[in-house]
Amino acid sequence: MKRLHRLVVCTSVVSIAAVVFGMTAAFAQGAGPSRVVPPSSLVLSIYRGEDTSSGSLLSQVILTCDPDGGTHPQASAACNALRSVDGNINALPSDHVFCPLFYAPITATAWGWWQGQWVAFQRTYGNTCELHRATKPVFEF
């Protein structure tokens, strides 16, 4: 299982590096920062458990914005949500949904580039409902 996890992480790192390198090269050749928004590319992961080292990887996607895409099933909605908070996942508005009071920890991570700035996010939520309530639609995959 650890080999599979390492393979997924390594493949994701290589994929995001290729996307960011390609987009950065295109950005550098373009009209410059005054006319072009730097591309954004994030690896989003969800783990069962209180942390990434002891938890099991449940799901992982790549989200690219400007242009919107990647493997995220709701790429445009997720990009729009992140644009509304300048890429700050902690600042996403909470959905007003009642979540059951049971503890089934789930950890969400995000890393990559958001409009030229490095992003590294990790947070553990009490259950999946709490994750979705706090991060909708970014971690809905």
N, C-alpha and C. Protein backbone atom coordinates (compact mmCIF):
# COMPACT_ATOMS: atom_id res chain seq x y z
N MET A 1 0.83 -1.19 0.00
CA MET A 1 0.00 0.00 0.00
C MET A 1 0.87 1.25 0.00
N LYS A 2 1.97 1.23 0.77
CA LYS A 2 2.85 2.40 0.79
C LYS A 2 3.47 2.64 -0.57
N ARG A 3 3.77 1.56 -1.30
CA ARG A 3 4.35 1.71 -2.63
C ARG A 3 3.35 2.39 -3.56
N LEU A 4 2.08 1.98 -3.47
CA LEU A 4 1.05 2.59 -4.29
C LEU A 4 0.91 4.07 -3.94
N HIS A 5 0.92 4.38 -2.65
CA HIS A 5 0.81 5.77 -2.21
C HIS A 5 1.98 6.57 -2.75
N ARG A 6 3.20 6.04 -2.65
CA ARG A 6 4.38 6.74 -3.16
C ARG A 6 4.28 6.92 -4.66
N LEU A 7 3.81 5.90 -5.37
CA LEU A 7 3.65 5.99 -6.82
C LEU A 7 2.67 7.09 -7.19
N VAL A 8 1.53 7.15 -6.49
CA VAL A 8 0.54 8.18 -6.77
C VAL A 8 1.11 9.56 -6.49
N VAL A 9 1.80 9.72 -5.37
CA VAL A 9 2.38 11.01 -5.02
C VAL A 9 3.47 11.40 -6.02
N CYS A 10 4.35 10.47 -6.37
CA CYS A 10 5.41 10.77 -7.33
C CYS A 10 4.84 11.12 -8.69
N THR A 11 3.84 10.37 -9.13
CA THR A 11 3.21 10.66 -10.41
C THR A 11 2.57 12.04 -10.38
N SER A 12 1.93 12.37 -9.26
CA SER A 12 1.30 13.69 -9.12
C SER A 12 2.34 14.80 -9.16
N VAL A 13 3.45 14.59 -8.49
CA VAL A 13 4.52 15.59 -8.46
C VAL A 13 5.05 15.84 -9.87
N VAL A 14 5.31 14.75 -10.59
CA VAL A 14 5.81 14.89 -11.96
C VAL A 14 4.78 15.57 -12.84
N SER A 15 3.52 15.19 -12.70
CA SER A 15 2.46 15.78 -13.52
C SER A 15 2.32 17.27 -13.25
N ILE A 16 2.28 17.64 -11.99
CA ILE A 16 2.10 19.05 -11.67
C ILE A 16 3.34 19.85 -12.07
N ALA A 17 4.51 19.26 -11.92
CA ALA A 17 5.73 19.96 -12.35
C ALA A 17 5.70 20.20 -13.85
N ALA A 18 5.25 19.22 -14.62
CA ALA A 18 5.18 19.39 -16.07
C ALA A 18 4.17 20.47 -16.44
N VAL A 19 3.01 20.46 -15.78
CA VAL A 19 1.99 21.47 -16.06
C VAL A 19 2.50 22.86 -15.69
N VAL A 20 3.06 22.98 -14.48
CA VAL A 20 3.54 24.29 -14.03
C VAL A 20 4.70 24.77 -14.90
N PHE A 21 5.64 23.87 -15.23
CA PHE A 21 6.75 24.27 -16.08
C PHE A 21 6.26 24.73 -17.44
N GLY A 22 5.34 23.97 -18.03
CA GLY A 22 4.81 24.34 -19.33
C GLY A 22 4.06 25.65 -19.29
N MET A 23 3.24 25.85 -18.25
CA MET A 23 2.48 27.08 -18.13
C MET A 23 3.39 28.26 -17.82
N THR A 24 4.43 28.02 -17.01
CA THR A 24 5.36 29.09 -16.68
C THR A 24 6.13 29.52 -17.91
N ALA A 25 6.53 28.56 -18.73
CA ALA A 25 7.23 28.89 -19.97
C ALA A 25 6.32 29.70 -20.89
N ALA A 26 5.06 29.29 -21.00
CA ALA A 26 4.12 30.03 -21.84
C ALA A 26 3.90 31.42 -21.27
N PHE A 27 3.80 31.52 -19.95
CA PHE A 27 3.61 32.82 -19.30
C PHE A 27 4.80 33.73 -19.54
N ALA A 28 6.01 33.17 -19.44
CA ALA A 28 7.23 33.98 -19.64
C ALA A 28 7.33 34.49 -21.06
N GLN A 29 6.80 33.74 -22.03
CA GLN A 29 6.85 34.16 -23.42
C GLN A 29 5.71 35.08 -23.78
N GLY A 30 4.71 35.16 -22.92
CA GLY A 30 3.50 35.93 -23.21
C GLY A 30 3.71 37.42 -23.02
N ALA A 31 2.61 38.09 -22.77
CA ALA A 31 2.60 39.54 -22.70
C ALA A 31 3.10 40.09 -21.38
N GLY A 32 3.34 39.24 -20.40
CA GLY A 32 3.86 39.71 -19.12
C GLY A 32 2.78 39.74 -18.06
N PRO A 33 3.17 40.00 -16.80
CA PRO A 33 2.25 39.91 -15.68
C PRO A 33 1.16 40.97 -15.67
N SER A 34 1.33 42.07 -16.38
CA SER A 34 0.31 43.10 -16.34
C SER A 34 -0.92 42.71 -17.15
N ARG A 35 -0.79 41.74 -18.07
CA ARG A 35 -1.92 41.37 -18.91
C ARG A 35 -2.36 39.93 -18.73
N VAL A 36 -1.56 39.11 -18.08
CA VAL A 36 -1.87 37.69 -17.97
C VAL A 36 -1.87 37.28 -16.50
N VAL A 37 -2.88 36.51 -16.11
CA VAL A 37 -2.91 35.96 -14.76
C VAL A 37 -2.03 34.72 -14.76
N PRO A 38 -1.08 34.61 -13.82
CA PRO A 38 -0.24 33.41 -13.77
C PRO A 38 -1.11 32.16 -13.61
N PRO A 39 -0.72 31.07 -14.24
CA PRO A 39 -1.51 29.85 -14.12
C PRO A 39 -1.47 29.29 -12.71
N SER A 40 -2.48 28.53 -12.39
CA SER A 40 -2.58 27.90 -11.07
C SER A 40 -2.74 26.40 -11.25
N SER A 41 -2.05 25.64 -10.42
CA SER A 41 -2.15 24.19 -10.47
C SER A 41 -1.93 23.64 -9.06
N LEU A 42 -2.91 22.89 -8.57
CA LEU A 42 -2.86 22.35 -7.22
C LEU A 42 -3.12 20.85 -7.23
N VAL A 43 -2.42 20.13 -6.38
CA VAL A 43 -2.72 18.72 -6.12
C VAL A 43 -3.55 18.71 -4.85
N LEU A 44 -4.79 18.21 -4.96
CA LEU A 44 -5.71 18.15 -3.84
C LEU A 44 -5.87 16.69 -3.43
N SER A 45 -5.72 16.40 -2.14
CA SER A 45 -5.79 15.02 -1.65
C SER A 45 -6.68 14.94 -0.42
N ILE A 46 -7.32 13.79 -0.27
CA ILE A 46 -8.14 13.51 0.91
C ILE A 46 -7.67 12.18 1.50
N TYR A 47 -7.34 12.20 2.79
CA TYR A 47 -6.87 11.01 3.50
C TYR A 47 -7.83 10.65 4.62
N ARG A 48 -8.02 9.37 4.85
CA ARG A 48 -8.77 8.91 6.02
C ARG A 48 -7.79 8.90 7.18
N GLY A 49 -8.13 9.60 8.25
CA GLY A 49 -7.27 9.62 9.43
C GLY A 49 -6.89 11.03 9.83
N GLU A 50 -6.12 11.10 10.91
CA GLU A 50 -5.75 12.39 11.49
C GLU A 50 -4.53 13.03 10.85
N ASP A 51 -3.82 12.30 10.00
CA ASP A 51 -2.68 12.90 9.29
C ASP A 51 -2.41 12.09 8.03
N THR A 52 -1.51 12.59 7.21
CA THR A 52 -1.23 11.95 5.93
C THR A 52 -0.30 10.75 6.06
N SER A 53 0.51 10.71 7.10
CA SER A 53 1.47 9.61 7.21
C SER A 53 0.83 8.32 7.72
N SER A 54 -0.14 8.42 8.62
CA SER A 54 -0.77 7.21 9.14
C SER A 54 -2.12 6.94 8.48
N GLY A 55 -2.66 7.93 7.78
CA GLY A 55 -3.95 7.74 7.12
C GLY A 55 -3.80 7.13 5.75
N SER A 56 -4.92 6.68 5.20
CA SER A 56 -4.88 6.10 3.87
C SER A 56 -5.45 7.11 2.87
N LEU A 57 -4.82 7.20 1.72
CA LEU A 57 -5.25 8.10 0.67
C LEU A 57 -6.58 7.62 0.11
N LEU A 58 -7.60 8.49 0.18
CA LEU A 58 -8.92 8.14 -0.34
C LEU A 58 -9.10 8.63 -1.77
N SER A 59 -8.62 9.84 -2.03
CA SER A 59 -8.83 10.42 -3.35
C SER A 59 -7.83 11.54 -3.59
N GLN A 60 -7.50 11.72 -4.87
CA GLN A 60 -6.55 12.78 -5.22
C GLN A 60 -6.85 13.27 -6.64
N VAL A 61 -6.82 14.57 -6.82
CA VAL A 61 -7.04 15.16 -8.14
C VAL A 61 -6.05 16.29 -8.36
N ILE A 62 -5.92 16.69 -9.60
CA ILE A 62 -5.15 17.88 -9.95
C ILE A 62 -6.15 18.92 -10.44
N LEU A 63 -6.05 20.11 -9.88
CA LEU A 63 -6.91 21.22 -10.28
C LEU A 63 -6.04 22.28 -10.93
N THR A 64 -6.36 22.64 -12.16
CA THR A 64 -5.68 23.72 -12.84
C THR A 64 -6.68 24.84 -13.09
N CYS A 65 -6.24 26.05 -12.95
CA CYS A 65 -7.10 27.21 -13.18
C CYS A 65 -6.38 28.19 -14.11
N ASP A 66 -7.17 28.86 -14.92
CA ASP A 66 -6.64 29.84 -15.89
C ASP A 66 -5.73 29.20 -16.92
N PRO A 67 -6.21 28.26 -17.69
CA PRO A 67 -7.60 27.81 -17.87
C PRO A 67 -7.99 26.74 -16.86
N ASP A 68 -9.31 26.65 -16.60
CA ASP A 68 -9.84 25.70 -15.63
C ASP A 68 -9.81 24.29 -16.21
N GLY A 69 -9.37 23.34 -15.39
CA GLY A 69 -9.33 21.95 -15.86
C GLY A 69 -8.64 21.05 -14.87
N GLY A 70 -7.91 20.08 -15.40
CA GLY A 70 -7.28 19.07 -14.57
C GLY A 70 -8.21 17.88 -14.41
N THR A 71 -7.99 17.10 -13.37
CA THR A 71 -8.80 15.91 -13.14
C THR A 71 -9.93 16.14 -12.14
N HIS A 72 -10.08 17.36 -11.65
CA HIS A 72 -11.14 17.70 -10.70
C HIS A 72 -12.49 17.65 -11.42
N PRO A 73 -13.50 16.95 -10.88
CA PRO A 73 -14.78 16.84 -11.56
C PRO A 73 -15.57 18.15 -11.65
N GLN A 74 -15.27 19.12 -10.79
CA GLN A 74 -15.95 20.41 -10.80
C GLN A 74 -14.91 21.52 -10.89
N ALA A 75 -14.04 21.44 -11.88
CA ALA A 75 -12.90 22.35 -11.97
C ALA A 75 -13.31 23.82 -11.98
N SER A 76 -14.26 24.19 -12.79
CA SER A 76 -14.66 25.61 -12.88
C SER A 76 -15.21 26.12 -11.56
N ALA A 77 -16.06 25.33 -10.92
CA ALA A 77 -16.64 25.75 -9.63
C ALA A 77 -15.55 25.87 -8.57
N ALA A 78 -14.63 24.91 -8.53
CA ALA A 78 -13.54 24.95 -7.55
C ALA A 78 -12.63 26.15 -7.81
N CYS A 79 -12.30 26.40 -9.07
CA CYS A 79 -11.45 27.55 -9.40
C CYS A 79 -12.14 28.86 -9.04
N ASN A 80 -13.43 28.97 -9.32
CA ASN A 80 -14.17 30.19 -8.98
C ASN A 80 -14.20 30.40 -7.47
N ALA A 81 -14.39 29.33 -6.72
CA ALA A 81 -14.38 29.45 -5.25
C ALA A 81 -13.02 29.92 -4.77
N LEU A 82 -11.94 29.37 -5.32
CA LEU A 82 -10.60 29.79 -4.92
C LEU A 82 -10.30 31.21 -5.37
N ARG A 83 -10.77 31.60 -6.54
CA ARG A 83 -10.57 32.98 -7.00
C ARG A 83 -11.24 33.97 -6.04
N SER A 84 -12.40 33.59 -5.50
CA SER A 84 -13.13 34.50 -4.61
C SER A 84 -12.39 34.77 -3.30
N VAL A 85 -11.42 33.91 -2.95
CA VAL A 85 -10.66 34.08 -1.71
C VAL A 85 -9.16 34.19 -2.00
N ASP A 86 -8.82 34.55 -3.22
CA ASP A 86 -7.41 34.69 -3.64
C ASP A 86 -6.58 33.45 -3.33
N GLY A 87 -7.18 32.27 -3.49
CA GLY A 87 -6.45 31.02 -3.30
C GLY A 87 -6.28 30.58 -1.86
N ASN A 88 -6.83 31.32 -0.91
CA ASN A 88 -6.69 30.99 0.52
C ASN A 88 -7.79 30.00 0.92
N ILE A 89 -7.46 28.73 0.98
CA ILE A 89 -8.45 27.70 1.28
C ILE A 89 -9.08 27.92 2.66
N ASN A 90 -8.31 28.42 3.61
CA ASN A 90 -8.85 28.69 4.95
C ASN A 90 -9.92 29.78 4.94
N ALA A 91 -9.94 30.61 3.91
CA ALA A 91 -10.90 31.71 3.85
C ALA A 91 -12.18 31.36 3.08
N LEU A 92 -12.29 30.12 2.59
CA LEU A 92 -13.51 29.73 1.89
C LEU A 92 -14.70 29.87 2.83
N PRO A 93 -15.81 30.43 2.34
CA PRO A 93 -16.97 30.58 3.22
C PRO A 93 -17.58 29.23 3.56
N SER A 94 -17.95 29.07 4.80
CA SER A 94 -18.52 27.80 5.27
C SER A 94 -19.95 27.68 4.81
N ASP A 95 -20.30 26.49 4.34
CA ASP A 95 -21.67 26.19 3.95
C ASP A 95 -22.46 25.99 5.24
N HIS A 96 -23.68 26.49 5.31
CA HIS A 96 -24.49 26.37 6.53
C HIS A 96 -25.28 25.07 6.51
N VAL A 97 -24.55 23.99 6.76
CA VAL A 97 -25.12 22.65 6.78
C VAL A 97 -24.87 22.05 8.15
N PHE A 98 -25.86 21.37 8.68
CA PHE A 98 -25.68 20.67 9.95
C PHE A 98 -24.94 19.37 9.68
N CYS A 99 -23.86 19.14 10.41
CA CYS A 99 -23.10 17.90 10.29
C CYS A 99 -23.32 17.05 11.53
N PRO A 100 -23.41 15.74 11.35
CA PRO A 100 -23.58 14.86 12.51
C PRO A 100 -22.36 14.93 13.42
N LEU A 101 -22.60 14.72 14.70
CA LEU A 101 -21.53 14.82 15.68
C LEU A 101 -20.90 13.46 15.95
N PHE A 102 -20.22 12.94 14.95
CA PHE A 102 -19.44 11.73 15.16
C PHE A 102 -18.04 11.98 14.62
N TYR A 103 -17.08 11.31 15.22
CA TYR A 103 -15.68 11.53 14.87
C TYR A 103 -15.17 10.44 13.95
N ALA A 104 -14.90 10.83 12.72
CA ALA A 104 -14.30 9.95 11.71
C ALA A 104 -13.33 10.83 10.94
N PRO A 105 -12.15 11.08 11.53
CA PRO A 105 -11.25 12.10 11.00
C PRO A 105 -10.88 11.91 9.53
N ILE A 106 -10.80 13.05 8.85
CA ILE A 106 -10.44 13.08 7.45
C ILE A 106 -9.50 14.27 7.26
N THR A 107 -8.41 14.06 6.53
CA THR A 107 -7.40 15.11 6.35
C THR A 107 -7.36 15.52 4.89
N ALA A 108 -7.42 16.81 4.67
CA ALA A 108 -7.35 17.36 3.32
C ALA A 108 -6.02 18.08 3.15
N THR A 109 -5.41 17.91 1.99
CA THR A 109 -4.16 18.62 1.68
C THR A 109 -4.27 19.26 0.31
N ALA A 110 -3.56 20.33 0.14
CA ALA A 110 -3.44 20.99 -1.15
C ALA A 110 -2.03 21.56 -1.23
N TRP A 111 -1.39 21.35 -2.37
CA TRP A 111 -0.08 21.96 -2.58
C TRP A 111 0.10 22.22 -4.06
N GLY A 112 0.84 23.26 -4.33
CA GLY A 112 1.09 23.66 -5.72
C GLY A 112 1.18 25.17 -5.82
N TRP A 113 0.79 25.70 -6.95
CA TRP A 113 0.90 27.13 -7.22
C TRP A 113 -0.47 27.74 -7.45
N TRP A 114 -0.70 28.88 -6.82
CA TRP A 114 -1.92 29.65 -7.06
C TRP A 114 -1.49 31.05 -7.51
N GLN A 115 -1.70 31.35 -8.77
CA GLN A 115 -1.38 32.65 -9.37
C GLN A 115 0.00 33.14 -8.96
N GLY A 116 0.98 32.25 -9.11
CA GLY A 116 2.37 32.59 -8.87
C GLY A 116 2.84 32.45 -7.43
N GLN A 117 1.96 32.08 -6.51
CA GLN A 117 2.31 31.94 -5.10
C GLN A 117 2.21 30.47 -4.70
N TRP A 118 3.20 29.99 -3.93
CA TRP A 118 3.21 28.61 -3.46
C TRP A 118 2.12 28.41 -2.42
N VAL A 119 1.38 27.32 -2.53
CA VAL A 119 0.32 26.97 -1.59
C VAL A 119 0.66 25.63 -0.94
N ALA A 120 0.58 25.57 0.37
CA ALA A 120 0.72 24.32 1.11
C ALA A 120 -0.33 24.34 2.21
N PHE A 121 -1.32 23.47 2.08
CA PHE A 121 -2.46 23.45 2.99
C PHE A 121 -2.65 22.03 3.51
N GLN A 122 -2.87 21.90 4.82
CA GLN A 122 -3.24 20.62 5.40
C GLN A 122 -4.12 20.89 6.61
N ARG A 123 -5.26 20.20 6.66
CA ARG A 123 -6.14 20.37 7.81
C ARG A 123 -6.95 19.09 8.01
N THR A 124 -7.15 18.74 9.27
CA THR A 124 -7.95 17.57 9.62
C THR A 124 -9.31 18.03 10.10
N TYR A 125 -10.35 17.38 9.58
CA TYR A 125 -11.74 17.68 9.93
C TYR A 125 -12.31 16.49 10.68
N GLY A 126 -13.34 16.71 11.47
CA GLY A 126 -13.94 15.66 12.28
C GLY A 126 -14.59 14.56 11.47
N ASN A 127 -15.11 14.89 10.29
CA ASN A 127 -15.72 13.90 9.40
C ASN A 127 -15.84 14.52 8.01
N THR A 128 -16.30 13.73 7.07
CA THR A 128 -16.41 14.18 5.68
C THR A 128 -17.37 15.35 5.54
N CYS A 129 -18.46 15.33 6.28
CA CYS A 129 -19.43 16.42 6.22
C CYS A 129 -18.76 17.75 6.60
N GLU A 130 -17.96 17.74 7.66
CA GLU A 130 -17.27 18.96 8.08
C GLU A 130 -16.28 19.44 7.01
N LEU A 131 -15.60 18.50 6.35
CA LEU A 131 -14.69 18.86 5.27
C LEU A 131 -15.45 19.58 4.16
N HIS A 132 -16.55 18.98 3.70
CA HIS A 132 -17.31 19.58 2.61
C HIS A 132 -17.95 20.90 3.01
N ARG A 133 -18.40 20.98 4.26
CA ARG A 133 -19.02 22.22 4.73
C ARG A 133 -18.01 23.37 4.68
N ALA A 134 -16.76 23.09 5.01
CA ALA A 134 -15.75 24.14 5.10
C ALA A 134 -15.06 24.45 3.78
N THR A 135 -15.10 23.52 2.82
CA THR A 135 -14.28 23.70 1.61
C THR A 135 -15.05 23.54 0.30
N LYS A 136 -16.36 23.48 0.35
CA LYS A 136 -17.16 23.26 -0.85
C LYS A 136 -16.90 24.33 -1.89
N PRO A 137 -16.68 24.02 -3.13
CA PRO A 137 -16.63 22.74 -3.82
C PRO A 137 -15.20 22.24 -4.07
N VAL A 138 -14.21 22.88 -3.43
CA VAL A 138 -12.81 22.56 -3.72
C VAL A 138 -12.47 21.10 -3.45
N PHE A 139 -12.92 20.57 -2.31
CA PHE A 139 -12.60 19.18 -1.97
C PHE A 139 -13.78 18.24 -2.21
N GLU A 140 -14.61 18.54 -3.17
CA GLU A 140 -15.73 17.64 -3.53
C GLU A 140 -15.32 16.84 -4.75
N PHE A 141 -14.65 15.73 -4.49
CA PHE A 141 -14.25 14.81 -5.56
C PHE A 141 -14.13 13.41 -5.01
